[in-house]
PDB file of N, CA and C in Angstrom:
ATOM      1  N   MET A   1     147.298 105.994 175.842  1.00  0.00           N
ATOM      2  CA  MET A   1     146.030 105.926 176.548  1.00  0.00           C
ATOM      3  C   MET A   1     145.410 104.552 176.268  1.00  0.00           C
ATOM      4  N   ILE A   2     145.052 103.869 177.339  1.00  0.00           N
ATOM      5  CA  ILE A   2     144.404 102.563 177.220  1.00  0.00           C
ATOM      6  C   ILE A   2     142.891 102.783 177.241  1.00  0.00           C
ATOM      7  N   LEU A   3     142.196 102.179 176.283  1.00  0.00           N
ATOM      8  CA  LEU A   3     140.734 102.248 176.218  1.00  0.00           C
ATOM      9  C   LEU A   3     140.192 100.831 176.278  1.00  0.00           C
ATOM     10  N   VAL A   4     139.286 100.569 177.221  1.00  0.00           N
ATOM     11  CA  VAL A   4     138.674  99.248 177.324  1.00  0.00           C
ATOM     12  C   VAL A   4     137.181  99.391 177.572  1.00  0.00           C
ATOM     13  N   ASN A   5     136.436  98.363 177.187  1.00  0.00           N
ATOM     14  CA  ASN A   5     134.994  98.401 177.426  1.00  0.00           C
ATOM     15  C   ASN A   5     134.603  97.578 178.653  1.00  0.00           C
ATOM     16  N   THR A   6     135.591  97.240 179.482  1.00  0.00           N
ATOM     17  CA  THR A   6     135.337  96.558 180.751  1.00  0.00           C
ATOM     18  C   THR A   6     135.501  97.575 181.878  1.00  0.00           C
ATOM     19  N   ASP A   7     135.109  97.184 183.090  1.00  0.00           N
ATOM     20  CA  ASP A   7     135.242  98.109 184.212  1.00  0.00           C
ATOM     21  C   ASP A   7     136.543  97.900 184.982  1.00  0.00           C
ATOM     22  N   TYR A   8     137.471  97.148 184.402  1.00  0.00           N
ATOM     23  CA  TYR A   8     138.767  96.898 185.035  1.00  0.00           C
ATOM     24  C   TYR A   8     139.825  96.708 183.955  1.00  0.00           C
ATOM     25  N   ILE A   9     141.087  96.768 184.376  1.00  0.00           N
ATOM     26  CA  ILE A   9     142.218  96.439 183.515  1.00  0.00           C
ATOM     27  C   ILE A   9     143.041  95.428 184.300  1.00  0.00           C
ATOM     28  N   SER A  10     143.211  94.254 183.766  1.00  0.00           N
ATOM     29  CA  SER A  10     143.911  93.175 184.468  1.00  0.00           C
ATOM     30  C   SER A  10     145.257  93.634 185.008  1.00  0.00           C
ATOM     31  N   GLY A  11     145.488  93.337 186.279  1.00  0.00           N
ATOM     32  CA  GLY A  11     146.763  93.643 186.903  1.00  0.00           C
ATOM     33  C   GLY A  11     146.940  95.083 187.327  1.00  0.00           C
ATOM     34  N   LYS A  12     145.915  95.910 187.174  1.00  0.00           N
ATOM     35  CA  LYS A  12     146.020  97.326 187.537  1.00  0.00           C
ATOM     36  C   LYS A  12     144.994  97.669 188.612  1.00  0.00           C
ATOM     37  N   GLU A  13     145.442  98.449 189.595  1.00  0.00           N
ATOM     38  CA  GLU A  13     144.518  99.004 190.576  1.00  0.00           C
ATOM     39  C   GLU A  13     144.174 100.405 190.094  1.00  0.00           C
ATOM     40  N   LEU A  14     142.892 100.720 190.065  1.00  0.00           N
ATOM     41  CA  LEU A  14     142.441 101.958 189.425  1.00  0.00           C
ATOM     42  C   LEU A  14     141.866 102.960 190.416  1.00  0.00           C
ATOM     43  N   GLU A  15     142.164 104.207 190.153  1.00  0.00           N
ATOM     44  CA  GLU A  15     141.548 105.319 190.877  1.00  0.00           C
ATOM     45  C   GLU A  15     140.636 106.027 189.876  1.00  0.00           C
ATOM     46  N   MET A  16     139.350 106.087 190.182  1.00  0.00           N
ATOM     47  CA  MET A  16     138.385 106.713 189.276  1.00  0.00           C
ATOM     48  C   MET A  16     138.529 108.234 189.304  1.00  0.00           C
ATOM     49  N   LEU A  17     138.594 108.842 188.146  1.00  0.00           N
ATOM     50  CA  LEU A  17     138.709 110.294 188.044  1.00  0.00           C
ATOM     51  C   LEU A  17     137.393 110.952 187.643  1.00  0.00           C
ATOM     52  N   GLY A  18     136.567 110.253 186.899  1.00  0.00           N
ATOM     53  CA  GLY A  18     135.286 110.822 186.502  1.00  0.00           C
ATOM     54  C   GLY A  18     134.902 110.498 185.066  1.00  0.00           C
ATOM     55  N   LEU A  19     133.717 110.909 184.717  1.00  0.00           N
ATOM     56  CA  LEU A  19     133.157 110.685 183.379  1.00  0.00           C
ATOM     57  C   LEU A  19     133.881 111.553 182.366  1.00  0.00           C
ATOM     58  N   VAL A  20     134.207 110.968 181.232  1.00  0.00           N
ATOM     59  CA  VAL A  20     134.765 111.725 180.110  1.00  0.00           C
ATOM     60  C   VAL A  20     133.940 111.405 178.870  1.00  0.00           C
ATOM     61  N   LYS A  21     133.899 112.351 177.962  1.00  0.00           N
ATOM     62  CA  LYS A  21     133.092 112.151 176.760  1.00  0.00           C
ATOM     63  C   LYS A  21     133.667 112.931 175.597  1.00  0.00           C
ATOM     64  N   GLY A  22     133.247 112.545 174.431  1.00  0.00           N
ATOM     65  CA  GLY A  22     133.575 113.259 173.210  1.00  0.00           C
ATOM     66  C   GLY A  22     132.433 113.038 172.245  1.00  0.00           C
ATOM     67  N   SER A  23     132.108 114.047 171.470  1.00  0.00           N
ATOM     68  CA  SER A  23     131.004 113.873 170.518  1.00  0.00           C
ATOM     69  C   SER A  23     131.250 114.687 169.257  1.00  0.00           C
ATOM     70  N   THR A  24     130.495 114.343 168.239  1.00  0.00           N
ATOM     71  CA  THR A  24     130.529 115.073 166.971  1.00  0.00           C
ATOM     72  C   THR A  24     129.203 114.841 166.254  1.00  0.00           C
ATOM     73  N   ILE A  25     128.864 115.750 165.389  1.00  0.00           N
ATOM     74  CA  ILE A  25     127.717 115.581 164.496  1.00  0.00           C
ATOM     75  C   ILE A  25     128.272 115.638 163.087  1.00  0.00           C
ATOM     76  N   GLN A  26     128.011 114.601 162.320  1.00  0.00           N
ATOM     77  CA  GLN A  26     128.556 114.477 160.967  1.00  0.00           C
ATOM     78  C   GLN A  26     127.428 114.382 159.949  1.00  0.00           C
ATOM     79  N   SER A  27     127.715 114.852 158.747  1.00  0.00           N
ATOM     80  CA  SER A  27     126.784 114.671 157.634  1.00  0.00           C
ATOM     81  C   SER A  27     127.585 114.485 156.351  1.00  0.00           C
ATOM     82  N   LYS A  28     126.920 113.970 155.350  1.00  0.00           N
ATOM     83  CA  LYS A  28     127.522 113.848 154.024  1.00  0.00           C
ATOM     84  C   LYS A  28     126.981 114.987 153.176  1.00  0.00           C
ATOM     85  N   ASN A  29     127.718 115.301 152.107  1.00  0.00           N
ATOM     86  CA  ASN A  29     127.264 116.380 151.238  1.00  0.00           C
ATOM     87  C   ASN A  29     126.018 115.969 150.457  1.00  0.00           C
ATOM     88  N   LEU A  30     125.348 116.927 149.894  1.00  0.00           N
ATOM     89  CA  LEU A  30     124.084 116.693 149.189  1.00  0.00           C
ATOM     90  C   LEU A  30     124.231 115.653 148.080  1.00  0.00           C
ATOM     91  N   GLY A  31     125.325 115.689 147.327  1.00  0.00           N
ATOM     92  CA  GLY A  31     125.539 114.724 146.247  1.00  0.00           C
ATOM     93  C   GLY A  31     125.577 113.302 146.774  1.00  0.00           C
ATOM     94  N   LYS A  32     126.314 113.074 147.866  1.00  0.00           N
ATOM     95  CA  LYS A  32     126.389 111.744 148.466  1.00  0.00           C
ATOM     96  C   LYS A  32     125.028 111.336 149.014  1.00  0.00           C
ATOM     97  N   ASP A  33     124.318 112.293 149.592  1.00  0.00           N
ATOM     98  CA  ASP A  33     122.998 112.013 150.155  1.00  0.00           C
ATOM     99  C   ASP A  33     122.050 111.513 149.062  1.00  0.00           C
ATOM    100  N   ILE A  34     122.090 112.144 147.907  1.00  0.00           N
ATOM    101  CA  ILE A  34     121.216 111.754 146.795  1.00  0.00           C
ATOM    102  C   ILE A  34     121.589 110.371 146.277  1.00  0.00           C
ATOM    103  N   THR A  35     122.892 110.119 146.078  1.00  0.00           N
ATOM    104  CA  THR A  35     123.299 108.809 145.560  1.00  0.00           C
ATOM    105  C   THR A  35     122.975 107.700 146.553  1.00  0.00           C
ATOM    106  N   GLN A  36     123.098 107.986 147.834  1.00  0.00           N
ATOM    107  CA  GLN A  36     122.784 106.971 148.840  1.00  0.00           C
ATOM    108  C   GLN A  36     121.276 106.704 148.897  1.00  0.00           C
ATOM    109  N   SER A  37     120.459 107.716 148.630  1.00  0.00           N
ATOM    110  CA  SER A  37     119.009 107.494 148.633  1.00  0.00           C
ATOM    111  C   SER A  37     118.607 106.578 147.478  1.00  0.00           C
ATOM    112  N   PHE A  38     119.302 106.663 146.348  1.00  0.00           N
ATOM    113  CA  PHE A  38     119.028 105.732 145.245  1.00  0.00           C
ATOM    114  C   PHE A  38     119.430 104.312 145.618  1.00  0.00           C
ATOM    115  N   LYS A  39     120.492 104.180 146.386  1.00  0.00           N
ATOM    116  CA  LYS A  39     120.967 102.862 146.801  1.00  0.00           C
ATOM    117  C   LYS A  39     119.914 102.148 147.659  1.00  0.00           C
ATOM    118  N   THR A  40     119.118 102.909 148.395  1.00  0.00           N
ATOM    119  CA  THR A  40     118.081 102.282 149.232  1.00  0.00           C
ATOM    120  C   THR A  40     117.016 101.598 148.383  1.00  0.00           C
ATOM    121  N   LEU A  41     116.900 101.992 147.127  1.00  0.00           N
ATOM    122  CA  LEU A  41     115.906 101.370 146.243  1.00  0.00           C
ATOM    123  C   LEU A  41     116.304  99.948 145.858  1.00  0.00           C
ATOM    124  N   VAL A  42     117.612  99.710 145.710  1.00  0.00           N
ATOM    125  CA  VAL A  42     118.077  98.395 145.268  1.00  0.00           C
ATOM    126  C   VAL A  42     118.661  97.553 146.398  1.00  0.00           C
ATOM    127  N   GLY A  43     118.922  98.185 147.507  1.00  0.00           N
ATOM    128  CA  GLY A  43     119.464  97.464 148.661  1.00  0.00           C
ATOM    129  C   GLY A  43     120.982  97.431 148.663  1.00  0.00           C
ATOM    130  N   GLY A  44     121.534  96.997 149.757  1.00  0.00           N
ATOM    131  CA  GLY A  44     122.984  96.900 149.901  1.00  0.00           C
ATOM    132  C   GLY A  44     123.515  97.905 150.896  1.00  0.00           C
ATOM    133  N   GLU A  45     124.810  97.818 151.119  1.00  0.00           N
ATOM    134  CA  GLU A  45     125.457  98.703 152.093  1.00  0.00           C
ATOM    135  C   GLU A  45     125.510 100.130 151.580  1.00  0.00           C
ATOM    136  N   LEU A  46     125.231 101.070 152.459  1.00  0.00           N
ATOM    137  CA  LEU A  46     125.343 102.486 152.145  1.00  0.00           C
ATOM    138  C   LEU A  46     126.755 102.920 152.563  1.00  0.00           C
ATOM    139  N   LYS A  47     127.710 102.714 151.666  1.00  0.00           N
ATOM    140  CA  LYS A  47     129.117 102.878 152.013  1.00  0.00           C
ATOM    141  C   LYS A  47     129.470 104.298 152.445  1.00  0.00           C
ATOM    142  N   ALA A  48     128.856 105.298 151.849  1.00  0.00           N
ATOM    143  CA  ALA A  48     129.157 106.680 152.241  1.00  0.00           C
ATOM    144  C   ALA A  48     128.741 106.922 153.693  1.00  0.00           C
ATOM    145  N   TYR A  49     127.630 106.324 154.118  1.00  0.00           N
ATOM    146  CA  TYR A  49     127.183 106.495 155.499  1.00  0.00           C
ATOM    147  C   TYR A  49     128.016 105.649 156.461  1.00  0.00           C
ATOM    148  N   THR A  50     128.450 104.480 156.023  1.00  0.00           N
ATOM    149  CA  THR A  50     129.350 103.665 156.843  1.00  0.00           C
ATOM    150  C   THR A  50     130.637 104.438 157.094  1.00  0.00           C
ATOM    151  N   GLU A  51     131.169 105.034 156.055  1.00  0.00           N
ATOM    152  CA  GLU A  51     132.387 105.846 156.169  1.00  0.00           C
ATOM    153  C   GLU A  51     132.146 107.032 157.107  1.00  0.00           C
ATOM    154  N   MET A  52     131.012 107.692 156.949  1.00  0.00           N
ATOM    155  CA  MET A  52     130.686 108.837 157.785  1.00  0.00           C
ATOM    156  C   MET A  52     130.645 108.436 159.258  1.00  0.00           C
ATOM    157  N   MET A  53     130.008 107.308 159.568  1.00  0.00           N
ATOM    158  CA  MET A  53     129.888 106.875 160.959  1.00  0.00           C
ATOM    159  C   MET A  53     131.241 106.433 161.518  1.00  0.00           C
ATOM    160  N   ASN A  54     132.074 105.800 160.699  1.00  0.00           N
ATOM    161  CA  ASN A  54     133.420 105.423 161.148  1.00  0.00           C
ATOM    162  C   ASN A  54     134.250 106.663 161.486  1.00  0.00           C
ATOM    163  N   GLU A  55     134.166 107.672 160.639  1.00  0.00           N
ATOM    164  CA  GLU A  55     134.874 108.931 160.890  1.00  0.00           C
ATOM    165  C   GLU A  55     134.348 109.598 162.155  1.00  0.00           C
ATOM    166  N   ALA A  56     133.035 109.577 162.335  1.00  0.00           N
ATOM    167  CA  ALA A  56     132.425 110.199 163.512  1.00  0.00           C
ATOM    168  C   ALA A  56     132.856 109.486 164.791  1.00  0.00           C
ATOM    169  N   ARG A  57     132.879 108.145 164.779  1.00  0.00           N
ATOM    170  CA  ARG A  57     133.320 107.395 165.969  1.00  0.00           C
ATOM    171  C   ARG A  57     134.775 107.701 166.294  1.00  0.00           C
ATOM    172  N   ALA A  58     135.609 107.774 165.263  1.00  0.00           N
ATOM    173  CA  ALA A  58     137.033 108.066 165.480  1.00  0.00           C
ATOM    174  C   ALA A  58     137.219 109.458 166.086  1.00  0.00           C
ATOM    175  N   LEU A  59     136.489 110.433 165.587  1.00  0.00           N
ATOM    176  CA  LEU A  59     136.593 111.797 166.107  1.00  0.00           C
ATOM    177  C   LEU A  59     136.048 111.891 167.527  1.00  0.00           C
ATOM    178  N   ALA A  60     134.919 111.247 167.787  1.00  0.00           N
ATOM    179  CA  ALA A  60     134.348 111.252 169.138  1.00  0.00           C
ATOM    180  C   ALA A  60     135.310 110.583 170.123  1.00  0.00           C
ATOM    181  N   THR A  61     135.942 109.485 169.704  1.00  0.00           N
ATOM    182  CA  THR A  61     136.912 108.796 170.560  1.00  0.00           C
ATOM    183  C   THR A  61     138.100 109.708 170.852  1.00  0.00           C
ATOM    184  N   LYS A  62     138.607 110.369 169.825  1.00  0.00           N
ATOM    185  CA  LYS A  62     139.738 111.285 170.000  1.00  0.00           C
ATOM    186  C   LYS A  62     139.402 112.382 171.001  1.00  0.00           C
ATOM    187  N   ARG A  63     138.203 112.936 170.894  1.00  0.00           N
ATOM    188  CA  ARG A  63     137.788 114.001 171.813  1.00  0.00           C
ATOM    189  C   ARG A  63     137.621 113.478 173.236  1.00  0.00           C
ATOM    190  N   MET A  64     137.144 112.244 173.382  1.00  0.00           N
ATOM    191  CA  MET A  64     137.025 111.632 174.706  1.00  0.00           C
ATOM    192  C   MET A  64     138.414 111.460 175.324  1.00  0.00           C
ATOM    193  N   VAL A  65     139.373 110.990 174.522  1.00  0.00           N
ATOM    194  CA  VAL A  65     140.744 110.803 175.001  1.00  0.00           C
ATOM    195  C   VAL A  65     141.345 112.141 175.440  1.00  0.00           C
ATOM    196  N   LEU A  66     141.117 113.192 174.686  1.00  0.00           N
ATOM    197  CA  LEU A  66     141.613 114.520 175.069  1.00  0.00           C
ATOM    198  C   LEU A  66     141.010 114.969 176.394  1.00  0.00           C
ATOM    199  N   ASP A  67     139.729 114.680 176.590  1.00  0.00           N
ATOM    200  CA  ASP A  67     139.043 114.994 177.849  1.00  0.00           C
ATOM    201  C   ASP A  67     139.702 114.227 178.995  1.00  0.00           C
ATOM    202  N   ALA A  68     140.005 112.954 178.772  1.00  0.00           N
ATOM    203  CA  ALA A  68     140.643 112.120 179.795  1.00  0.00           C
ATOM    204  C   ALA A  68     142.061 112.607 180.089  1.00  0.00           C
ATOM    205  N   GLU A  69     142.808 112.960 179.059  1.00  0.00           N
ATOM    206  CA  GLU A  69     144.175 113.460 179.254  1.00  0.00           C
ATOM    207  C   GLU A  69     144.184 114.743 180.074  1.00  0.00           C
ATOM    208  N   ALA A  70     143.168 115.586 179.881  1.00  0.00           N
ATOM    209  CA  ALA A  70     143.067 116.831 180.653  1.00  0.00           C
ATOM    210  C   ALA A  70     142.897 116.550 182.146  1.00  0.00           C
ATOM    211  N   LEU A  71     142.348 115.395 182.489  1.00  0.00           N
ATOM    212  CA  LEU A  71     142.193 114.999 183.887  1.00  0.00           C
ATOM    213  C   LEU A  71     143.426 114.266 184.420  1.00  0.00           C
ATOM    214  N   GLY A  72     144.393 114.008 183.557  1.00  0.00           N
ATOM    215  CA  GLY A  72     145.586 113.269 183.957  1.00  0.00           C
ATOM    216  C   GLY A  72     145.376 111.765 183.975  1.00  0.00           C
ATOM    217  N   ALA A  73     144.439 111.274 183.202  1.00  0.00           N
ATOM    218  CA  ALA A  73     144.096 109.849 183.189  1.00  0.00           C
ATOM    219  C   ALA A  73     145.152 109.017 182.467  1.00  0.00           C
ATOM    220  N   ASP A  74     145.269 107.768 182.904  1.00  0.00           N
ATOM    221  CA  ASP A  74     146.118 106.787 182.236  1.00  0.00           C
ATOM    222  C   ASP A  74     145.301 105.912 181.289  1.00  0.00           C
ATOM    223  N   ALA A  75     143.985 105.845 181.538  1.00  0.00           N
ATOM    224  CA  ALA A  75     143.122 104.966 180.749  1.00  0.00           C
ATOM    225  C   ALA A  75     141.679 105.429 180.863  1.00  0.00           C
ATOM    226  N   VAL A  76     140.840 104.864 179.999  1.00  0.00           N
ATOM    227  CA  VAL A  76     139.391 105.060 180.094  1.00  0.00           C
ATOM    228  C   VAL A  76     138.768 103.673 180.094  1.00  0.00           C
ATOM    229  N   VAL A  77     137.981 103.392 181.126  1.00  0.00           N
ATOM    230  CA  VAL A  77     137.296 102.107 181.225  1.00  0.00           C
ATOM    231  C   VAL A  77     135.812 102.300 180.935  1.00  0.00           C
ATOM    232  N   ASN A  78     135.124 101.190 180.688  1.00  0.00           N
ATOM    233  CA  ASN A  78     133.690 101.219 180.368  1.00  0.00           C
ATOM    234  C   ASN A  78     133.388 102.118 179.168  1.00  0.00           C
ATOM    235  N   VAL A  79     134.225 102.064 178.148  1.00  0.00           N
ATOM    236  CA  VAL A  79     134.006 102.897 176.958  1.00  0.00           C
ATOM    237  C   VAL A  79     132.741 102.428 176.243  1.00  0.00           C
ATOM    238  N   ARG A  80     131.894 103.371 175.925  1.00  0.00           N
ATOM    239  CA  ARG A  80     130.634 103.098 175.236  1.00  0.00           C
ATOM    240  C   ARG A  80     130.450 104.131 174.129  1.00  0.00           C
ATOM    241  N   TYR A  81     129.626 103.761 173.158  1.00  0.00           N
ATOM    242  CA  TYR A  81     129.275 104.662 172.059  1.00  0.00           C
ATOM    243  C   TYR A  81     127.766 104.757 171.964  1.00  0.00           C
ATOM    244  N   ALA A  82     127.295 105.930 171.608  1.00  0.00           N
ATOM    245  CA  ALA A  82     125.869 106.144 171.366  1.00  0.00           C
ATOM    246  C   ALA A  82     125.743 106.992 170.113  1.00  0.00           C
ATOM    247  N   SER A  83     124.689 106.770 169.368  1.00  0.00           N
ATOM    248  CA  SER A  83     124.460 107.594 168.179  1.00  0.00           C
ATOM    249  C   SER A  83     122.976 107.893 168.054  1.00  0.00           C
ATOM    250  N   ALA A  84     122.713 108.997 167.389  1.00  0.00           N
ATOM    251  CA  ALA A  84     121.328 109.410 167.172  1.00  0.00           C
ATOM    252  C   ALA A  84     121.269 110.254 165.905  1.00  0.00           C
ATOM    253  N   ALA A  85     120.217 110.073 165.147  1.00  0.00           N
ATOM    254  CA  ALA A  85     120.001 110.913 163.971  1.00  0.00           C
ATOM    255  C   ALA A  85     119.502 112.269 164.454  1.00  0.00           C
ATOM    256  N   VAL A  86     120.107 113.334 163.953  1.00  0.00           N
ATOM    257  CA  VAL A  86     119.666 114.669 164.333  1.00  0.00           C
ATOM    258  C   VAL A  86     118.869 115.341 163.217  1.00  0.00           C
ATOM    259  N   MET A  87     119.035 114.818 162.001  1.00  0.00           N
ATOM    260  CA  MET A  87     118.249 115.246 160.846  1.00  0.00           C
ATOM    261  C   MET A  87     118.551 114.272 159.717  1.00  0.00           C
ATOM    262  N   GLN A  88     117.851 114.366 158.619  1.00  0.00           N
ATOM    263  CA  GLN A  88     118.082 113.473 157.485  1.00  0.00           C
ATOM    264  C   GLN A  88     119.531 113.579 157.030  1.00  0.00           C
ATOM    265  N   GLY A  89     120.263 112.462 157.072  1.00  0.00           N
ATOM    266  CA  GLY A  89     121.637 112.442 156.578  1.00  0.00           C
ATOM    267  C   GLY A  89     122.678 112.942 157.555  1.00  0.00           C
ATOM    268  N   ALA A  90     122.289 113.231 158.802  1.00  0.00           N
ATOM    269  CA  ALA A  90     123.252 113.703 159.800  1.00  0.00           C
ATOM    270  C   ALA A  90     123.040 112.930 161.093  1.00  0.00           C
ATOM    271  N   ALA A  91     124.141 112.607 161.746  1.00  0.00           N
ATOM    272  CA  ALA A  91     124.053 111.833 162.979  1.00  0.00           C
ATOM    273  C   ALA A  91     125.046 112.353 164.002  1.00  0.00           C
ATOM    274  N   GLU A  92     124.629 112.268 165.264  1.00  0.00           N
ATOM    275  CA  GLU A  92     125.532 112.573 166.367  1.00  0.00           C
ATOM    276  C   GLU A  92     126.095 111.259 166.875  1.00  0.00           C
ATOM    277  N   VAL A  93     127.377 111.247 167.151  1.00  0.00           N
ATOM    278  CA  VAL A  93     128.021 110.095 167.774  1.00  0.00           C
ATOM    279  C   VAL A  93     128.697 110.591 169.041  1.00  0.00           C
ATOM    280  N   MET A  94     128.480 109.866 170.136  1.00  0.00           N
ATOM    281  CA  MET A  94     129.111 110.201 171.403  1.00  0.00           C
ATOM    282  C   MET A  94     129.890 108.999 171.902  1.00  0.00           C
ATOM    283  N   ALA A  95     131.103 109.246 172.363  1.00  0.00           N
ATOM    284  CA  ALA A  95     131.923 108.237 173.031  1.00  0.00           C
ATOM    285  C   ALA A  95     132.035 108.687 174.480  1.00  0.00           C
ATOM    286  N   TYR A  96     131.876 107.752 175.416  1.00  0.00           N
ATOM    287  CA  TYR A  96     131.983 108.128 176.817  1.00  0.00           C
ATOM    288  C   TYR A  96     132.501 106.959 177.639  1.00  0.00           C
ATOM    289  N   GLY A  97     133.051 107.271 178.773  1.00  0.00           N
ATOM    290  CA  GLY A  97     133.582 106.261 179.665  1.00  0.00           C
ATOM    291  C   GLY A  97     134.051 106.904 180.957  1.00  0.00           C
ATOM    292  N   THR A  98     134.755 106.112 181.773  1.00  0.00           N
ATOM    293  CA  THR A  98     135.266 106.587 183.062  1.00  0.00           C
ATOM    294  C   THR A  98     136.782 106.718 182.985  1.00  0.00           C
ATOM    295  N   ALA A  99     137.270 107.908 183.216  1.00  0.00           N
ATOM    296  CA  ALA A  99     138.712 108.153 183.230  1.00  0.00           C
ATOM    297  C   ALA A  99     139.279 107.588 184.527  1.00  0.00           C
ATOM    298  N   VAL A 100     140.421 106.904 184.420  1.00  0.00           N
ATOM    299  CA  VAL A 100     141.064 106.322 185.596  1.00  0.00           C
ATOM    300  C   VAL A 100     142.550 106.599 185.577  1.00  0.00           C
ATOM    301  N   LYS A 101     143.133 106.564 186.766  1.00  0.00           N
ATOM    302  CA  LYS A 101     144.569 106.700 186.932  1.00  0.00           C
ATOM    303  C   LYS A 101     145.035 105.424 187.619  1.00  0.00           C
ATOM    304  N   PHE A 102     146.221 104.935 187.247  1.00  0.00           N
ATOM    305  CA  PHE A 102     146.769 103.751 187.875  1.00  0.00           C
ATOM    306  C   PHE A 102     147.336 104.110 189.241  1.00  0.00           C
ATOM    307  N   LYS A 103     147.065 103.269 190.243  1.00  0.00           N
ATOM    308  CA  LYS A 103     147.600 103.517 191.596  1.00  0.00           C
ATOM    309  C   LYS A 103     149.004 102.968 191.689  1.00  0.00           C
TER     310      LYS A 103
END
């Protein structure tokens, strides 16, 4: 599956199949949440949250690809990501784009 953040793929003529998406809501355990809150006092990267968001993006992307495969897509163009906090220490990540088939 080809994923691009442009609205075209060089050398390919595309047939649009429709919007595809994948999402997840992730959180860290209470222990990680507490240690990360102490880190905010001294500054620096919150590595547990960086890891959490990387995992969430990967899972959302995987789910988007599965959605595209169900439509018989060869690729997804205009891939975008969105995230939002849903509560303290938890975030939703959504991956979305347009499923296409090569002509």
